[in-house]
Amino acid sequence: MSNILGLIVVLPDRCGNCNSNTAIVGSCPPPHFTKLYCDGCDCGRGHVGHDLYAFLEEFIKQFGRPTEPIVLRTGRVREPEQPGGDAAQLKLQLKETVNENERTVSE
């Protein structure tokens, strides 16, 4: 059985505390077995799921323990965000809701 503790991984997002995007696989109490700890400030970045654990374990079996961080990706393609995009979308939805309510009241 391979030990994945101490592996360094590059995450698809950045830490909210220190802006680091790397984490170290560390131990944690049950029911979880491993947890990602921020490489910059040591805060928790999430737990390692069964699929990721199995992937990292198989990676070490096939290629040996890596000397460079493993880059983790989400598997989703994200559209680039526009500044204020969420606020503009929320404002549009709110305007549509108000218009619908005005129509219902006038009928």
N, C-alpha and C. Protein backbone atom coordinates (compact mmCIF):
# COMPACT_ATOMS: atom_id res chain seq x y z
N MET A 1 0.84 -1.19 0.00
CA MET A 1 0.00 0.00 0.00
C MET A 1 0.88 1.25 0.00
N SER A 2 0.59 2.18 -0.89
CA SER A 2 1.37 3.40 -1.02
C SER A 2 0.91 4.42 0.00
N ASN A 3 1.84 5.21 0.46
CA ASN A 3 1.50 6.27 1.40
C ASN A 3 1.52 7.60 0.67
N ILE A 4 0.37 8.28 0.64
CA ILE A 4 0.29 9.55 -0.08
C ILE A 4 0.52 10.74 0.84
N LEU A 5 0.71 10.49 2.14
CA LEU A 5 0.93 11.59 3.07
C LEU A 5 2.19 12.36 2.70
N GLY A 6 2.10 13.68 2.74
CA GLY A 6 3.25 14.53 2.43
C GLY A 6 3.34 14.94 0.98
N LEU A 7 2.50 14.36 0.11
CA LEU A 7 2.52 14.78 -1.30
C LEU A 7 2.10 16.24 -1.41
N ILE A 8 2.69 16.94 -2.34
CA ILE A 8 2.30 18.33 -2.60
C ILE A 8 1.49 18.34 -3.89
N VAL A 9 0.33 19.00 -3.82
CA VAL A 9 -0.55 19.09 -4.98
C VAL A 9 -0.84 20.56 -5.28
N VAL A 10 -1.06 20.84 -6.56
CA VAL A 10 -1.47 22.17 -7.00
C VAL A 10 -2.97 22.12 -7.22
N LEU A 11 -3.69 23.00 -6.53
CA LEU A 11 -5.15 23.01 -6.60
C LEU A 11 -5.64 23.97 -7.67
N PRO A 12 -6.86 23.76 -8.17
CA PRO A 12 -7.39 24.63 -9.23
C PRO A 12 -7.84 26.01 -8.73
N ASP A 13 -7.85 26.20 -7.40
CA ASP A 13 -8.21 27.51 -6.86
C ASP A 13 -7.19 27.93 -5.82
N ARG A 14 -7.31 29.14 -5.34
CA ARG A 14 -6.35 29.68 -4.39
C ARG A 14 -6.94 29.77 -2.99
N CYS A 15 -6.08 29.70 -2.00
CA CYS A 15 -6.48 29.81 -0.60
C CYS A 15 -7.04 31.21 -0.34
N GLY A 16 -8.14 31.27 0.39
CA GLY A 16 -8.75 32.55 0.72
C GLY A 16 -7.95 33.34 1.74
N ASN A 17 -7.06 32.67 2.47
CA ASN A 17 -6.26 33.35 3.49
C ASN A 17 -4.95 33.91 2.95
N CYS A 18 -4.22 33.09 2.19
CA CYS A 18 -2.87 33.51 1.79
C CYS A 18 -2.64 33.51 0.28
N ASN A 19 -3.64 33.11 -0.49
CA ASN A 19 -3.58 33.12 -1.96
C ASN A 19 -2.68 32.03 -2.54
N SER A 20 -2.27 31.06 -1.75
CA SER A 20 -1.46 29.95 -2.25
C SER A 20 -2.37 28.96 -2.98
N ASN A 21 -1.85 28.31 -4.02
CA ASN A 21 -2.64 27.30 -4.71
C ASN A 21 -2.04 25.90 -4.54
N THR A 22 -1.10 25.75 -3.61
CA THR A 22 -0.54 24.43 -3.34
C THR A 22 -0.96 23.95 -1.95
N ALA A 23 -1.07 22.63 -1.83
CA ALA A 23 -1.47 22.02 -0.56
C ALA A 23 -0.68 20.75 -0.34
N ILE A 24 -0.60 20.36 0.92
CA ILE A 24 0.10 19.13 1.32
C ILE A 24 -0.95 18.14 1.80
N VAL A 25 -0.81 16.89 1.37
CA VAL A 25 -1.71 15.83 1.83
C VAL A 25 -1.26 15.42 3.23
N GLY A 26 -2.16 15.59 4.20
CA GLY A 26 -1.84 15.25 5.58
C GLY A 26 -2.91 14.35 6.18
N SER A 27 -2.67 13.90 7.38
CA SER A 27 -3.62 13.00 8.04
C SER A 27 -4.66 13.80 8.80
N CYS A 28 -5.77 13.15 9.10
CA CYS A 28 -6.83 13.76 9.92
C CYS A 28 -7.62 12.64 10.56
N PRO A 29 -8.40 12.96 11.59
CA PRO A 29 -9.14 11.91 12.30
C PRO A 29 -10.29 11.34 11.46
N PRO A 30 -10.72 10.10 11.79
CA PRO A 30 -11.86 9.49 11.09
C PRO A 30 -13.09 10.36 11.21
N PRO A 31 -14.01 10.31 10.28
CA PRO A 31 -14.17 9.30 9.23
C PRO A 31 -13.30 9.57 8.01
N HIS A 32 -12.62 10.70 7.94
CA HIS A 32 -11.74 10.99 6.81
C HIS A 32 -10.35 10.48 7.15
N PHE A 33 -9.59 10.14 6.13
CA PHE A 33 -8.26 9.62 6.37
C PHE A 33 -7.18 10.63 6.02
N THR A 34 -7.44 11.42 5.01
CA THR A 34 -6.45 12.41 4.61
C THR A 34 -7.13 13.73 4.31
N LYS A 35 -6.37 14.80 4.48
CA LYS A 35 -6.89 16.14 4.31
C LYS A 35 -5.84 16.97 3.59
N LEU A 36 -6.29 17.96 2.84
CA LEU A 36 -5.37 18.87 2.17
C LEU A 36 -5.16 20.09 3.07
N TYR A 37 -3.90 20.38 3.37
CA TYR A 37 -3.54 21.53 4.19
C TYR A 37 -2.81 22.53 3.30
N CYS A 38 -3.19 23.79 3.39
CA CYS A 38 -2.56 24.83 2.58
C CYS A 38 -1.07 24.86 2.84
N ASP A 39 -0.30 24.94 1.79
CA ASP A 39 1.15 24.99 1.88
C ASP A 39 1.63 26.34 2.42
N GLY A 40 0.80 27.38 2.28
CA GLY A 40 1.21 28.71 2.71
C GLY A 40 0.86 29.03 4.15
N CYS A 41 -0.35 28.64 4.60
CA CYS A 41 -0.79 29.05 5.94
C CYS A 41 -1.30 27.89 6.78
N ASP A 42 -1.24 26.66 6.27
CA ASP A 42 -1.60 25.45 6.99
C ASP A 42 -3.09 25.32 7.32
N CYS A 43 -3.94 26.13 6.69
CA CYS A 43 -5.38 25.97 6.92
C CYS A 43 -5.89 24.78 6.11
N GLY A 44 -7.03 24.23 6.50
CA GLY A 44 -7.61 23.11 5.79
C GLY A 44 -8.17 23.53 4.44
N ARG A 45 -7.83 22.79 3.39
CA ARG A 45 -8.33 23.09 2.05
C ARG A 45 -9.31 22.03 1.57
N GLY A 46 -9.69 21.10 2.42
CA GLY A 46 -10.65 20.07 2.04
C GLY A 46 -10.10 18.68 2.32
N HIS A 47 -10.97 17.71 2.21
CA HIS A 47 -10.58 16.32 2.42
C HIS A 47 -10.29 15.64 1.10
N VAL A 48 -9.47 14.63 1.14
CA VAL A 48 -9.14 13.86 -0.06
C VAL A 48 -10.20 12.78 -0.20
N GLY A 49 -10.96 12.83 -1.28
CA GLY A 49 -12.00 11.84 -1.54
C GLY A 49 -11.42 10.50 -1.96
N HIS A 50 -12.28 9.49 -1.99
CA HIS A 50 -11.83 8.14 -2.35
C HIS A 50 -11.22 8.09 -3.75
N ASP A 51 -11.83 8.79 -4.71
CA ASP A 51 -11.32 8.77 -6.09
C ASP A 51 -9.93 9.39 -6.18
N LEU A 52 -9.76 10.54 -5.54
CA LEU A 52 -8.45 11.20 -5.57
C LEU A 52 -7.42 10.36 -4.83
N TYR A 53 -7.79 9.79 -3.70
CA TYR A 53 -6.88 8.94 -2.94
C TYR A 53 -6.41 7.78 -3.80
N ALA A 54 -7.36 7.11 -4.46
CA ALA A 54 -7.03 5.97 -5.31
C ALA A 54 -6.13 6.40 -6.48
N PHE A 55 -6.43 7.57 -7.07
CA PHE A 55 -5.61 8.07 -8.17
C PHE A 55 -4.18 8.31 -7.71
N LEU A 56 -4.02 9.02 -6.58
CA LEU A 56 -2.68 9.33 -6.09
C LEU A 56 -1.91 8.07 -5.71
N GLU A 57 -2.60 7.12 -5.11
CA GLU A 57 -1.98 5.85 -4.74
C GLU A 57 -1.50 5.09 -5.99
N GLU A 58 -2.35 5.02 -7.01
CA GLU A 58 -1.99 4.34 -8.26
C GLU A 58 -0.85 5.07 -8.97
N PHE A 59 -0.88 6.39 -8.93
CA PHE A 59 0.19 7.19 -9.54
C PHE A 59 1.54 6.83 -8.93
N ILE A 60 1.58 6.75 -7.59
CA ILE A 60 2.83 6.41 -6.91
C ILE A 60 3.27 4.99 -7.25
N LYS A 61 2.33 4.05 -7.34
CA LYS A 61 2.67 2.67 -7.69
C LYS A 61 3.31 2.61 -9.08
N GLN A 62 2.74 3.34 -10.04
CA GLN A 62 3.21 3.26 -11.42
C GLN A 62 4.47 4.07 -11.67
N PHE A 63 4.55 5.27 -11.11
CA PHE A 63 5.64 6.19 -11.47
C PHE A 63 6.59 6.52 -10.33
N GLY A 64 6.29 6.06 -9.13
CA GLY A 64 7.11 6.40 -7.98
C GLY A 64 6.65 7.73 -7.38
N ARG A 65 7.19 8.06 -6.24
CA ARG A 65 6.80 9.28 -5.55
C ARG A 65 7.32 10.48 -6.34
N PRO A 66 6.44 11.42 -6.69
CA PRO A 66 6.86 12.55 -7.52
C PRO A 66 7.76 13.53 -6.76
N THR A 67 8.65 14.16 -7.50
CA THR A 67 9.52 15.18 -6.91
C THR A 67 8.95 16.58 -7.12
N GLU A 68 7.99 16.69 -8.02
CA GLU A 68 7.31 17.96 -8.30
C GLU A 68 5.86 17.84 -7.85
N PRO A 69 5.19 18.96 -7.57
CA PRO A 69 3.77 18.89 -7.19
C PRO A 69 2.91 18.31 -8.31
N ILE A 70 1.87 17.58 -7.93
CA ILE A 70 0.91 17.04 -8.88
C ILE A 70 -0.18 18.09 -9.08
N VAL A 71 -0.46 18.42 -10.33
CA VAL A 71 -1.47 19.43 -10.64
C VAL A 71 -2.83 18.75 -10.71
N LEU A 72 -3.75 19.20 -9.85
CA LEU A 72 -5.11 18.68 -9.85
C LEU A 72 -6.01 19.64 -10.61
N ARG A 73 -6.90 19.09 -11.41
CA ARG A 73 -7.84 19.90 -12.17
C ARG A 73 -9.26 19.43 -11.86
N THR A 74 -10.23 20.28 -12.13
CA THR A 74 -11.62 19.94 -11.82
C THR A 74 -12.27 19.12 -12.91
N GLY A 75 -11.76 19.15 -14.12
CA GLY A 75 -12.38 18.44 -15.23
C GLY A 75 -13.46 19.26 -15.89
N ARG A 76 -13.70 20.48 -15.41
CA ARG A 76 -14.69 21.37 -15.99
C ARG A 76 -13.99 22.55 -16.64
N VAL A 77 -14.55 23.01 -17.72
CA VAL A 77 -14.02 24.20 -18.37
C VAL A 77 -14.83 25.38 -17.86
N ARG A 78 -14.15 26.38 -17.37
CA ARG A 78 -14.84 27.55 -16.84
C ARG A 78 -14.76 28.70 -17.81
N GLU A 79 -15.86 29.42 -17.91
CA GLU A 79 -15.87 30.64 -18.71
C GLU A 79 -15.15 31.72 -17.92
N PRO A 80 -14.37 32.56 -18.59
CA PRO A 80 -13.71 33.64 -17.86
C PRO A 80 -14.76 34.57 -17.26
N GLU A 81 -14.53 34.97 -16.03
CA GLU A 81 -15.48 35.84 -15.36
C GLU A 81 -15.28 37.29 -15.79
N GLN A 82 -16.38 37.98 -15.92
CA GLN A 82 -16.34 39.41 -16.23
C GLN A 82 -16.50 40.18 -14.92
N PRO A 83 -15.77 41.27 -14.75
CA PRO A 83 -15.93 42.04 -13.52
C PRO A 83 -17.39 42.49 -13.37
N GLY A 84 -17.97 42.21 -12.23
CA GLY A 84 -19.35 42.60 -11.97
C GLY A 84 -20.38 41.74 -12.66
N GLY A 85 -19.97 40.64 -13.28
CA GLY A 85 -20.89 39.79 -14.03
C GLY A 85 -22.01 39.23 -13.17
N ASP A 86 -21.66 38.76 -11.97
CA ASP A 86 -22.67 38.19 -11.07
C ASP A 86 -23.67 39.26 -10.64
N ALA A 87 -23.17 40.44 -10.32
CA ALA A 87 -24.06 41.51 -9.88
C ALA A 87 -25.00 41.92 -11.01
N ALA A 88 -24.48 41.99 -12.23
CA ALA A 88 -25.32 42.38 -13.37
C ALA A 88 -26.40 41.33 -13.62
N GLN A 89 -26.04 40.05 -13.52
CA GLN A 89 -27.00 38.97 -13.72
C GLN A 89 -28.07 39.00 -12.64
N LEU A 90 -27.66 39.23 -11.39
CA LEU A 90 -28.61 39.29 -10.29
C LEU A 90 -29.58 40.47 -10.48
N LYS A 91 -29.05 41.61 -10.93
CA LYS A 91 -29.88 42.79 -11.16
C LYS A 91 -30.91 42.51 -12.26
N LEU A 92 -30.49 41.81 -13.32
CA LEU A 92 -31.38 41.46 -14.42
C LEU A 92 -32.49 40.52 -13.93
N GLN A 93 -32.13 39.51 -13.14
CA GLN A 93 -33.12 38.58 -12.61
C GLN A 93 -34.11 39.30 -11.70
N LEU A 94 -33.60 40.22 -10.87
CA LEU A 94 -34.46 40.97 -9.98
C LEU A 94 -35.43 41.83 -10.77
N LYS A 95 -34.94 42.48 -11.84
CA LYS A 95 -35.79 43.32 -12.68
C LYS A 95 -36.90 42.48 -13.33
N GLU A 96 -36.54 41.28 -13.83
CA GLU A 96 -37.54 40.41 -14.45
C GLU A 96 -38.59 39.98 -13.43
N THR A 97 -38.19 39.69 -12.21
CA THR A 97 -39.12 39.29 -11.16
C THR A 97 -40.08 40.43 -10.82
N VAL A 98 -39.55 41.65 -10.71
CA VAL A 98 -40.38 42.81 -10.42
C VAL A 98 -41.38 43.02 -11.54
N ASN A 99 -40.95 42.92 -12.79
CA ASN A 99 -41.85 43.08 -13.93
C ASN A 99 -42.96 42.03 -13.92
N GLU A 100 -42.65 40.80 -13.60
CA GLU A 100 -43.65 39.74 -13.52
C GLU A 100 -44.66 40.04 -12.41
N ASN A 101 -44.16 40.50 -11.27
CA ASN A 101 -45.04 40.81 -10.14
C ASN A 101 -45.96 41.98 -10.49
N GLU A 102 -45.45 42.97 -11.21
CA GLU A 102 -46.27 44.13 -11.60
C GLU A 102 -47.37 43.68 -12.55
N ARG A 103 -47.06 42.77 -13.47
CA ARG A 103 -48.08 42.26 -14.40
C ARG A 103 -49.16 41.49 -13.67
N THR A 104 -48.75 40.70 -12.68
CA THR A 104 -49.71 39.89 -11.92
C THR A 104 -50.65 40.80 -11.12
N VAL A 105 -50.13 41.86 -10.53
CA VAL A 105 -50.94 42.78 -9.72
C VAL A 105 -51.93 43.54 -10.61
N SER A 106 -51.51 43.94 -11.82
CA SER A 106 -52.38 44.72 -12.70
C SER A 106 -53.47 43.87 -13.35
N GLU A 107 -53.32 42.56 -13.39
CA GLU A 107 -54.33 41.70 -14.03
C GLU A 107 -55.46 41.44 -13.15
